[in-house]
Amino acid sequence: MDINECFYVGKIVKKYSFKGELLIKLDTDEPEQFENLESVLINLRGNLVPFFIESSQLHKSELLRVKFEEVDTEDDADSLMKSELYLPLSFLPELEDDKFYYHEIIGFKVEDKNFGNVGIISGVNDSTAQALFEIDRNGTEILIPMNDEFISKVDKPNKTIFVETPEGLIDLYINE
């Protein structure tokens, strides 16, 4: 399976016991949804390798304590330390019409109520305090905050997001 067909679940951050148990720092607001997984894909030197889960339980809210099959010693656990975990995109629950996963909206058009056609979403920058739409407008990058007050409608069937941004925001990028 290709990493582009998966989503990031979390990272192995610590050994829990001398029997190969590991702690995974989950990248989610809902850690309980990962409590009863049968397996995960672990990124080992650029390859996603399936690992089956013998047992798991939540540990201190955002950590998941996991015992993988055939990981029975500290050495086995050491070999997995700092590895990233993934699951296929098909594991994500279906969202309501006006909600979306970041990977879903790549390629969507952005239409602004006042400006008109802004461009095509090329990515989402979520490394800042507020996530941003990265929009390609004929080679010019336009950044629009992913603010509920700006997003007026998400039209998934037509791959279009309708926004109403503050006057002059888009012009900042175009009239440089």
N, C-alpha and C. Protein backbone atom coordinates (compact mmCIF):
# COMPACT_ATOMS: atom_id res chain seq x y z
N MET A 1 0.86 -1.18 0.00
CA MET A 1 0.00 0.00 0.00
C MET A 1 0.89 1.24 0.00
N ASP A 2 0.49 2.24 -0.76
CA ASP A 2 1.25 3.48 -0.90
C ASP A 2 0.87 4.44 0.23
N ILE A 3 1.84 5.21 0.70
CA ILE A 3 1.60 6.15 1.81
C ILE A 3 0.55 7.20 1.44
N ASN A 4 0.39 7.51 0.15
CA ASN A 4 -0.61 8.48 -0.29
C ASN A 4 -2.03 7.95 -0.16
N GLU A 5 -2.17 6.65 0.04
CA GLU A 5 -3.49 6.03 0.22
C GLU A 5 -3.80 5.85 1.70
N CYS A 6 -2.97 6.47 2.57
CA CYS A 6 -3.09 6.27 4.01
C CYS A 6 -3.14 7.61 4.74
N PHE A 7 -3.52 7.54 6.01
CA PHE A 7 -3.44 8.72 6.85
C PHE A 7 -2.59 8.41 8.08
N TYR A 8 -1.96 9.45 8.60
CA TYR A 8 -1.05 9.34 9.74
C TYR A 8 -1.85 9.14 11.02
N VAL A 9 -1.51 8.12 11.80
CA VAL A 9 -2.20 7.82 13.04
C VAL A 9 -1.42 8.35 14.24
N GLY A 10 -0.10 8.17 14.21
CA GLY A 10 0.71 8.60 15.33
C GLY A 10 2.11 8.03 15.23
N LYS A 11 2.84 8.15 16.34
CA LYS A 11 4.25 7.76 16.35
C LYS A 11 4.56 6.97 17.62
N ILE A 12 5.38 5.94 17.49
CA ILE A 12 5.82 5.17 18.64
C ILE A 12 6.84 6.03 19.40
N VAL A 13 6.53 6.34 20.66
CA VAL A 13 7.38 7.28 21.40
C VAL A 13 8.13 6.66 22.57
N LYS A 14 7.69 5.47 23.03
CA LYS A 14 8.29 4.94 24.24
C LYS A 14 8.01 3.46 24.38
N LYS A 15 8.95 2.76 25.01
CA LYS A 15 8.68 1.37 25.38
C LYS A 15 7.89 1.40 26.69
N TYR A 16 6.99 0.44 26.86
CA TYR A 16 6.19 0.42 28.08
C TYR A 16 6.65 -0.67 29.03
N SER A 17 7.05 -1.81 28.49
CA SER A 17 7.47 -2.91 29.35
C SER A 17 8.61 -3.67 28.68
N PHE A 18 9.18 -4.60 29.41
CA PHE A 18 10.26 -5.41 28.85
C PHE A 18 9.70 -6.55 27.98
N LYS A 19 8.38 -6.60 27.83
CA LYS A 19 7.75 -7.65 27.02
C LYS A 19 7.38 -7.17 25.62
N GLY A 20 7.94 -6.02 25.21
CA GLY A 20 7.71 -5.55 23.85
C GLY A 20 6.55 -4.58 23.69
N GLU A 21 5.90 -4.20 24.79
CA GLU A 21 4.80 -3.24 24.68
C GLU A 21 5.34 -1.85 24.37
N LEU A 22 4.57 -1.08 23.61
CA LEU A 22 4.98 0.25 23.17
C LEU A 22 3.89 1.26 23.43
N LEU A 23 4.30 2.52 23.55
CA LEU A 23 3.34 3.62 23.67
C LEU A 23 3.36 4.43 22.38
N ILE A 24 2.17 4.69 21.86
CA ILE A 24 2.01 5.44 20.61
C ILE A 24 1.35 6.77 20.94
N LYS A 25 1.98 7.87 20.52
CA LYS A 25 1.36 9.20 20.66
C LYS A 25 0.44 9.37 19.46
N LEU A 26 -0.86 9.41 19.73
CA LEU A 26 -1.85 9.50 18.66
C LEU A 26 -2.03 10.94 18.20
N ASP A 27 -2.25 11.10 16.90
CA ASP A 27 -2.48 12.41 16.30
C ASP A 27 -3.98 12.54 16.03
N THR A 28 -4.75 12.75 17.09
CA THR A 28 -6.20 12.78 16.94
C THR A 28 -6.86 13.50 18.11
N ASP A 29 -8.06 13.97 17.88
CA ASP A 29 -8.88 14.54 18.94
C ASP A 29 -9.74 13.46 19.59
N GLU A 30 -9.81 12.29 18.96
CA GLU A 30 -10.66 11.20 19.43
C GLU A 30 -9.85 9.91 19.56
N PRO A 31 -8.98 9.82 20.58
CA PRO A 31 -8.11 8.65 20.72
C PRO A 31 -8.87 7.32 20.85
N GLU A 32 -10.08 7.39 21.40
CA GLU A 32 -10.84 6.16 21.61
C GLU A 32 -11.17 5.42 20.30
N GLN A 33 -11.17 6.13 19.17
CA GLN A 33 -11.47 5.45 17.90
C GLN A 33 -10.34 4.50 17.47
N PHE A 34 -9.17 4.59 18.11
CA PHE A 34 -8.04 3.73 17.75
C PHE A 34 -7.79 2.64 18.79
N GLU A 35 -8.69 2.51 19.74
CA GLU A 35 -8.48 1.60 20.85
C GLU A 35 -8.60 0.12 20.45
N ASN A 36 -9.41 -0.21 19.48
CA ASN A 36 -9.67 -1.62 19.15
C ASN A 36 -9.24 -2.00 17.74
N LEU A 37 -8.13 -1.48 17.29
CA LEU A 37 -7.64 -1.81 15.95
C LEU A 37 -7.10 -3.23 15.90
N GLU A 38 -7.25 -3.87 14.74
CA GLU A 38 -6.68 -5.21 14.56
C GLU A 38 -5.24 -5.12 14.07
N SER A 39 -4.96 -4.08 13.26
CA SER A 39 -3.62 -3.94 12.71
C SER A 39 -3.37 -2.49 12.32
N VAL A 40 -2.09 -2.17 12.10
CA VAL A 40 -1.68 -0.86 11.60
C VAL A 40 -0.56 -1.07 10.60
N LEU A 41 -0.26 -0.02 9.85
CA LEU A 41 0.88 -0.05 8.94
C LEU A 41 1.98 0.80 9.58
N ILE A 42 3.17 0.22 9.71
CA ILE A 42 4.29 0.94 10.31
C ILE A 42 5.29 1.27 9.21
N ASN A 43 5.70 2.54 9.17
CA ASN A 43 6.66 3.00 8.17
C ASN A 43 8.07 2.59 8.63
N LEU A 44 8.61 1.57 7.97
CA LEU A 44 9.96 1.10 8.27
C LEU A 44 10.84 1.37 7.06
N ARG A 45 11.75 2.33 7.21
CA ARG A 45 12.67 2.71 6.13
C ARG A 45 11.94 2.95 4.81
N GLY A 46 10.82 3.67 4.87
CA GLY A 46 10.10 4.05 3.66
C GLY A 46 9.10 3.02 3.15
N ASN A 47 8.98 1.88 3.82
CA ASN A 47 8.01 0.86 3.42
C ASN A 47 6.95 0.71 4.50
N LEU A 48 5.68 0.63 4.09
CA LEU A 48 4.61 0.42 5.05
C LEU A 48 4.45 -1.09 5.27
N VAL A 49 4.70 -1.51 6.50
CA VAL A 49 4.67 -2.92 6.86
C VAL A 49 3.51 -3.15 7.82
N PRO A 50 2.61 -4.13 7.51
CA PRO A 50 1.49 -4.39 8.42
C PRO A 50 1.96 -5.08 9.70
N PHE A 51 1.45 -4.60 10.83
CA PHE A 51 1.70 -5.23 12.13
C PHE A 51 0.35 -5.50 12.77
N PHE A 52 0.18 -6.73 13.27
CA PHE A 52 -1.08 -7.11 13.91
C PHE A 52 -1.00 -6.84 15.40
N ILE A 53 -2.12 -6.38 15.95
CA ILE A 53 -2.17 -5.96 17.35
C ILE A 53 -2.74 -7.08 18.20
N GLU A 54 -1.97 -7.48 19.21
CA GLU A 54 -2.41 -8.50 20.15
C GLU A 54 -3.35 -7.88 21.18
N SER A 55 -2.97 -6.71 21.70
CA SER A 55 -3.82 -6.00 22.66
C SER A 55 -3.47 -4.52 22.64
N SER A 56 -4.43 -3.70 23.05
CA SER A 56 -4.18 -2.26 23.12
C SER A 56 -5.15 -1.63 24.11
N GLN A 57 -4.72 -0.53 24.71
CA GLN A 57 -5.62 0.24 25.58
C GLN A 57 -5.09 1.66 25.69
N LEU A 58 -6.01 2.58 25.92
CA LEU A 58 -5.61 3.98 26.07
C LEU A 58 -4.81 4.14 27.36
N HIS A 59 -3.80 5.00 27.29
CA HIS A 59 -2.90 5.21 28.42
C HIS A 59 -2.68 6.72 28.54
N LYS A 60 -3.16 7.31 29.62
CA LYS A 60 -3.00 8.76 29.84
C LYS A 60 -3.51 9.59 28.65
N SER A 61 -4.70 9.40 28.29
CA SER A 61 -5.48 10.13 27.27
C SER A 61 -4.97 10.07 25.84
N GLU A 62 -3.82 10.69 25.48
CA GLU A 62 -3.49 10.70 24.05
C GLU A 62 -2.48 9.61 23.67
N LEU A 63 -2.13 8.75 24.62
CA LEU A 63 -1.22 7.65 24.32
C LEU A 63 -1.99 6.34 24.22
N LEU A 64 -1.56 5.49 23.30
CA LEU A 64 -2.16 4.17 23.15
C LEU A 64 -1.08 3.15 23.48
N ARG A 65 -1.36 2.30 24.46
CA ARG A 65 -0.43 1.24 24.84
C ARG A 65 -0.74 0.03 23.97
N VAL A 66 0.27 -0.46 23.24
CA VAL A 66 0.03 -1.52 22.26
C VAL A 66 1.02 -2.67 22.45
N LYS A 67 0.48 -3.87 22.29
CA LYS A 67 1.32 -5.07 22.22
C LYS A 67 1.09 -5.66 20.83
N PHE A 68 2.13 -5.60 19.98
CA PHE A 68 2.05 -6.16 18.63
C PHE A 68 2.39 -7.64 18.67
N GLU A 69 1.77 -8.42 17.78
CA GLU A 69 2.13 -9.82 17.63
C GLU A 69 3.59 -9.90 17.19
N GLU A 70 4.32 -10.86 17.74
CA GLU A 70 5.71 -11.13 17.38
C GLU A 70 6.68 -10.01 17.77
N VAL A 71 6.25 -9.09 18.61
CA VAL A 71 7.16 -8.10 19.21
C VAL A 71 7.14 -8.44 20.69
N ASP A 72 8.13 -9.29 21.11
CA ASP A 72 8.07 -9.87 22.45
C ASP A 72 9.21 -9.47 23.37
N THR A 73 10.19 -8.73 22.85
CA THR A 73 11.35 -8.37 23.67
C THR A 73 11.62 -6.87 23.57
N GLU A 74 12.51 -6.40 24.45
CA GLU A 74 12.91 -4.99 24.38
C GLU A 74 13.62 -4.69 23.06
N ASP A 75 14.43 -5.64 22.59
CA ASP A 75 15.12 -5.44 21.30
C ASP A 75 14.13 -5.31 20.16
N ASP A 76 13.08 -6.16 20.16
CA ASP A 76 12.04 -6.05 19.13
C ASP A 76 11.41 -4.66 19.18
N ALA A 77 11.10 -4.22 20.40
CA ALA A 77 10.47 -2.91 20.59
C ALA A 77 11.41 -1.78 20.15
N ASP A 78 12.71 -1.91 20.50
CA ASP A 78 13.69 -0.89 20.11
C ASP A 78 13.71 -0.69 18.60
N SER A 79 13.55 -1.76 17.86
CA SER A 79 13.62 -1.66 16.39
C SER A 79 12.46 -0.85 15.81
N LEU A 80 11.41 -0.65 16.60
CA LEU A 80 10.23 0.10 16.12
C LEU A 80 10.15 1.52 16.68
N MET A 81 11.04 1.86 17.61
CA MET A 81 10.99 3.18 18.24
C MET A 81 11.02 4.31 17.20
N LYS A 82 10.25 5.35 17.46
CA LYS A 82 10.15 6.55 16.62
C LYS A 82 9.50 6.30 15.26
N SER A 83 8.99 5.09 15.03
CA SER A 83 8.34 4.78 13.75
C SER A 83 6.96 5.42 13.70
N GLU A 84 6.54 5.80 12.49
CA GLU A 84 5.23 6.40 12.28
C GLU A 84 4.23 5.31 11.89
N LEU A 85 2.99 5.46 12.37
CA LEU A 85 1.92 4.51 12.08
C LEU A 85 0.89 5.13 11.16
N TYR A 86 0.37 4.30 10.27
CA TYR A 86 -0.62 4.75 9.29
C TYR A 86 -1.76 3.73 9.19
N LEU A 87 -2.87 4.20 8.67
CA LEU A 87 -4.01 3.35 8.34
C LEU A 87 -4.52 3.75 6.96
N PRO A 88 -5.14 2.81 6.23
CA PRO A 88 -5.71 3.17 4.93
C PRO A 88 -6.80 4.24 5.07
N LEU A 89 -6.91 5.10 4.07
CA LEU A 89 -7.92 6.17 4.09
C LEU A 89 -9.33 5.62 4.29
N SER A 90 -9.56 4.38 3.85
CA SER A 90 -10.89 3.78 3.98
C SER A 90 -11.32 3.61 5.44
N PHE A 91 -10.38 3.69 6.39
CA PHE A 91 -10.70 3.57 7.81
C PHE A 91 -11.33 4.84 8.37
N LEU A 92 -11.17 5.96 7.66
CA LEU A 92 -11.74 7.22 8.15
C LEU A 92 -13.26 7.18 8.04
N PRO A 93 -13.96 7.60 9.08
CA PRO A 93 -15.43 7.63 9.00
C PRO A 93 -15.89 8.70 8.01
N GLU A 94 -17.04 8.46 7.40
CA GLU A 94 -17.63 9.42 6.47
C GLU A 94 -18.04 10.66 7.25
N LEU A 95 -17.74 11.83 6.70
CA LEU A 95 -18.08 13.09 7.38
C LEU A 95 -19.35 13.70 6.78
N GLU A 96 -19.98 14.56 7.57
CA GLU A 96 -21.16 15.29 7.08
C GLU A 96 -20.75 16.15 5.88
N ASP A 97 -21.75 16.58 5.12
CA ASP A 97 -21.49 17.30 3.87
C ASP A 97 -20.59 18.52 4.01
N ASP A 98 -20.74 19.29 5.08
CA ASP A 98 -19.97 20.53 5.19
C ASP A 98 -18.63 20.33 5.90
N LYS A 99 -18.31 19.10 6.28
CA LYS A 99 -17.03 18.79 6.92
C LYS A 99 -16.16 18.02 5.93
N PHE A 100 -14.82 18.09 6.13
CA PHE A 100 -13.93 17.41 5.19
C PHE A 100 -12.60 17.09 5.86
N TYR A 101 -11.95 16.06 5.31
CA TYR A 101 -10.58 15.76 5.69
C TYR A 101 -9.69 16.56 4.75
N TYR A 102 -8.52 16.97 5.24
CA TYR A 102 -7.63 17.79 4.43
C TYR A 102 -7.29 17.12 3.10
N HIS A 103 -7.01 15.81 3.13
CA HIS A 103 -6.60 15.14 1.88
C HIS A 103 -7.73 15.14 0.84
N GLU A 104 -8.98 15.21 1.29
CA GLU A 104 -10.13 15.15 0.39
C GLU A 104 -10.26 16.37 -0.52
N ILE A 105 -9.79 17.53 -0.05
CA ILE A 105 -10.09 18.78 -0.76
C ILE A 105 -8.98 19.22 -1.71
N ILE A 106 -7.89 18.45 -1.78
CA ILE A 106 -6.83 18.78 -2.73
C ILE A 106 -7.43 18.68 -4.13
N GLY A 107 -7.26 19.73 -4.93
CA GLY A 107 -7.84 19.74 -6.27
C GLY A 107 -9.20 20.43 -6.34
N PHE A 108 -9.78 20.78 -5.20
CA PHE A 108 -11.06 21.50 -5.20
C PHE A 108 -10.84 22.94 -5.68
N LYS A 109 -11.86 23.51 -6.35
CA LYS A 109 -11.85 24.92 -6.72
C LYS A 109 -12.28 25.74 -5.51
N VAL A 110 -11.78 26.96 -5.44
CA VAL A 110 -12.22 27.89 -4.39
C VAL A 110 -12.86 29.09 -5.07
N GLU A 111 -14.10 29.36 -4.69
CA GLU A 111 -14.86 30.50 -5.22
C GLU A 111 -15.13 31.47 -4.07
N ASP A 112 -14.71 32.73 -4.25
CA ASP A 112 -14.97 33.74 -3.24
C ASP A 112 -16.19 34.56 -3.65
N LYS A 113 -17.07 34.85 -2.69
CA LYS A 113 -18.31 35.58 -2.97
C LYS A 113 -18.06 36.90 -3.69
N ASN A 114 -17.03 37.63 -3.27
CA ASN A 114 -16.77 38.94 -3.86
C ASN A 114 -15.73 38.89 -4.98
N PHE A 115 -14.73 38.05 -4.86
CA PHE A 115 -13.63 38.01 -5.81
C PHE A 115 -13.92 37.14 -7.03
N GLY A 116 -14.66 36.04 -6.82
CA GLY A 116 -14.91 35.08 -7.91
C GLY A 116 -13.98 33.88 -7.78
N ASN A 117 -13.55 33.32 -8.93
CA ASN A 117 -12.70 32.14 -8.92
C ASN A 117 -11.31 32.49 -8.37
N VAL A 118 -10.95 31.86 -7.26
CA VAL A 118 -9.65 32.14 -6.63
C VAL A 118 -8.58 31.23 -7.20
N GLY A 119 -8.89 29.94 -7.34
CA GLY A 119 -7.92 28.97 -7.85
C GLY A 119 -8.22 27.57 -7.35
N ILE A 120 -7.18 26.71 -7.37
CA ILE A 120 -7.32 25.31 -7.01
C ILE A 120 -6.52 25.03 -5.73
N ILE A 121 -7.12 24.29 -4.80
CA ILE A 121 -6.42 23.95 -3.56
C ILE A 121 -5.31 22.95 -3.88
N SER A 122 -4.07 23.36 -3.56
CA SER A 122 -2.92 22.49 -3.81
C SER A 122 -2.46 21.80 -2.53
N GLY A 123 -2.90 22.31 -1.39
CA GLY A 123 -2.52 21.71 -0.12
C GLY A 123 -3.16 22.43 1.05
N VAL A 124 -2.87 21.92 2.23
CA VAL A 124 -3.34 22.53 3.46
C VAL A 124 -2.13 22.67 4.37
N ASN A 125 -1.90 23.87 4.88
CA ASN A 125 -0.81 24.11 5.81
C ASN A 125 -1.40 24.12 7.21
N ASP A 126 -1.12 23.06 7.97
CA ASP A 126 -1.64 23.01 9.34
C ASP A 126 -0.54 23.13 10.38
N SER A 127 0.60 23.69 9.95
CA SER A 127 1.72 23.86 10.88
C SER A 127 1.67 25.23 11.57
N THR A 128 0.72 26.06 11.18
CA THR A 128 0.57 27.38 11.80
C THR A 128 -0.54 27.33 12.85
N ALA A 129 -0.72 28.41 13.59
CA ALA A 129 -1.74 28.45 14.64
C ALA A 129 -3.13 28.17 14.06
N GLN A 130 -3.35 28.63 12.83
CA GLN A 130 -4.62 28.36 12.15
C GLN A 130 -4.32 27.71 10.81
N ALA A 131 -5.02 26.61 10.51
CA ALA A 131 -4.79 25.92 9.24
C ALA A 131 -5.14 26.85 8.08
N LEU A 132 -4.39 26.69 6.97
CA LEU A 132 -4.58 27.54 5.80
C LEU A 132 -4.81 26.72 4.55
N PHE A 133 -5.77 27.17 3.71
CA PHE A 133 -5.89 26.62 2.36
C PHE A 133 -4.69 27.15 1.58
N GLU A 134 -3.97 26.27 0.89
CA GLU A 134 -2.92 26.69 -0.05
C GLU A 134 -3.55 26.59 -1.44
N ILE A 135 -3.72 27.74 -2.08
CA ILE A 135 -4.45 27.79 -3.35
C ILE A 135 -3.50 28.23 -4.45
N ASP A 136 -3.52 27.48 -5.54
CA ASP A 136 -2.70 27.82 -6.71
C ASP A 136 -3.58 28.61 -7.69
N ARG A 137 -3.16 29.84 -7.96
CA ARG A 137 -3.85 30.68 -8.95
C ARG A 137 -2.85 30.98 -10.06
N ASN A 138 -2.83 30.13 -11.08
CA ASN A 138 -1.92 30.30 -12.22
C ASN A 138 -0.48 30.53 -11.77
N GLY A 139 0.00 29.70 -10.82
CA GLY A 139 1.38 29.80 -10.37
C GLY A 139 1.60 30.71 -9.17
N THR A 140 0.60 31.46 -8.77
CA THR A 140 0.70 32.31 -7.58
C THR A 140 0.03 31.61 -6.42
N GLU A 141 0.73 31.53 -5.28
CA GLU A 141 0.13 30.89 -4.11
C GLU A 141 -0.67 31.90 -3.30
N ILE A 142 -1.91 31.53 -2.99
CA ILE A 142 -2.79 32.36 -2.16
C ILE A 142 -3.12 31.54 -0.92
N LEU A 143 -2.98 32.15 0.25
CA LEU A 143 -3.28 31.48 1.51
C LEU A 143 -4.54 32.08 2.12
N ILE A 144 -5.50 31.22 2.41
CA ILE A 144 -6.74 31.67 3.05
C ILE A 144 -6.94 30.85 4.31
N PRO A 145 -7.13 31.51 5.47
CA PRO A 145 -7.36 30.78 6.71
C PRO A 145 -8.60 29.87 6.59
N MET A 146 -8.48 28.66 7.13
CA MET A 146 -9.60 27.72 7.13
C MET A 146 -10.47 28.04 8.34
N ASN A 147 -11.14 29.16 8.24
CA ASN A 147 -11.94 29.69 9.32
C ASN A 147 -13.41 29.44 8.99
N ASP A 148 -14.16 28.89 9.94
CA ASP A 148 -15.58 28.60 9.69
C ASP A 148 -16.35 29.85 9.25
N GLU A 149 -15.92 31.02 9.70
CA GLU A 149 -16.60 32.26 9.31
C GLU A 149 -16.37 32.59 7.84
N PHE A 150 -15.27 32.09 7.26
CA PHE A 150 -14.96 32.37 5.85
C PHE A 150 -15.60 31.34 4.92
N ILE A 151 -15.75 30.11 5.39
CA ILE A 151 -16.27 29.02 4.54
C ILE A 151 -17.79 29.05 4.56
N SER A 152 -18.40 29.35 3.41
CA SER A 152 -19.86 29.42 3.38
C SER A 152 -20.49 28.12 2.91
N LYS A 153 -19.79 27.35 2.06
CA LYS A 153 -20.38 26.10 1.58
C LYS A 153 -19.28 25.19 1.04
N VAL A 154 -19.43 23.88 1.30
CA VAL A 154 -18.54 22.87 0.74
C VAL A 154 -19.40 22.01 -0.18
N ASP A 155 -19.10 22.07 -1.48
CA ASP A 155 -19.85 21.32 -2.49
C ASP A 155 -18.97 20.16 -2.97
N LYS A 156 -19.05 19.03 -2.24
CA LYS A 156 -18.19 17.88 -2.56
C LYS A 156 -18.45 17.32 -3.96
N PRO A 157 -19.72 17.15 -4.36
CA PRO A 157 -19.94 16.57 -5.70
C PRO A 157 -19.30 17.40 -6.82
N ASN A 158 -19.29 18.72 -6.69
CA ASN A 158 -18.71 19.59 -7.72
C ASN A 158 -17.31 20.05 -7.37
N LYS A 159 -16.74 19.49 -6.31
CA LYS A 159 -15.37 19.79 -5.89
C LYS A 159 -15.10 21.29 -5.82
N THR A 160 -15.97 21.98 -5.09
CA THR A 160 -15.85 23.44 -4.94
C THR A 160 -16.09 23.84 -3.50
N ILE A 161 -15.25 24.75 -3.01
CA ILE A 161 -15.47 25.33 -1.68
C ILE A 161 -15.76 26.81 -1.89
N PHE A 162 -16.89 27.25 -1.35
CA PHE A 162 -17.30 28.64 -1.46
C PHE A 162 -16.90 29.37 -0.18
N VAL A 163 -16.20 30.50 -0.37
CA VAL A 163 -15.73 31.28 0.77
C VAL A 163 -16.18 32.73 0.64
N GLU A 164 -16.14 33.42 1.76
CA GLU A 164 -16.36 34.87 1.76
C GLU A 164 -15.27 35.45 2.65
N THR A 165 -14.20 35.91 2.01
CA THR A 165 -13.05 36.41 2.76
C THR A 165 -13.15 37.92 2.97
N PRO A 166 -12.41 38.43 3.94
CA PRO A 166 -12.42 39.88 4.16
C PRO A 166 -11.91 40.60 2.90
N GLU A 167 -12.49 41.74 2.64
CA GLU A 167 -12.13 42.51 1.45
C GLU A 167 -10.63 42.79 1.44
N GLY A 168 -10.00 42.55 0.30
CA GLY A 168 -8.59 42.85 0.12
C GLY A 168 -7.65 41.69 0.43
N LEU A 169 -8.12 40.62 1.10
CA LEU A 169 -7.24 39.51 1.47
C LEU A 169 -6.62 38.85 0.23
N ILE A 170 -7.42 38.51 -0.75
CA ILE A 170 -6.92 37.83 -1.95
C ILE A 170 -6.05 38.80 -2.77
N ASP A 171 -6.44 40.06 -2.81
CA ASP A 171 -5.67 41.06 -3.57
C ASP A 171 -4.24 41.20 -3.03
N LEU A 172 -4.03 40.95 -1.75
CA LEU A 172 -2.67 41.01 -1.18
C LEU A 172 -1.69 40.13 -1.93
N TYR A 173 -2.16 38.99 -2.39
CA TYR A 173 -1.30 38.01 -3.08
C TYR A 173 -1.15 38.33 -4.56
N ILE A 174 -2.17 38.94 -5.14
CA ILE A 174 -2.18 39.16 -6.59
C ILE A 174 -1.49 40.48 -6.99
N ASN A 175 -1.65 41.50 -6.17
CA ASN A 175 -1.12 42.82 -6.52
C ASN A 175 0.21 43.11 -5.84
N GLU A 176 1.09 42.11 -5.81
CA GLU A 176 2.40 42.34 -5.17
C GLU A 176 3.33 43.07 -6.10
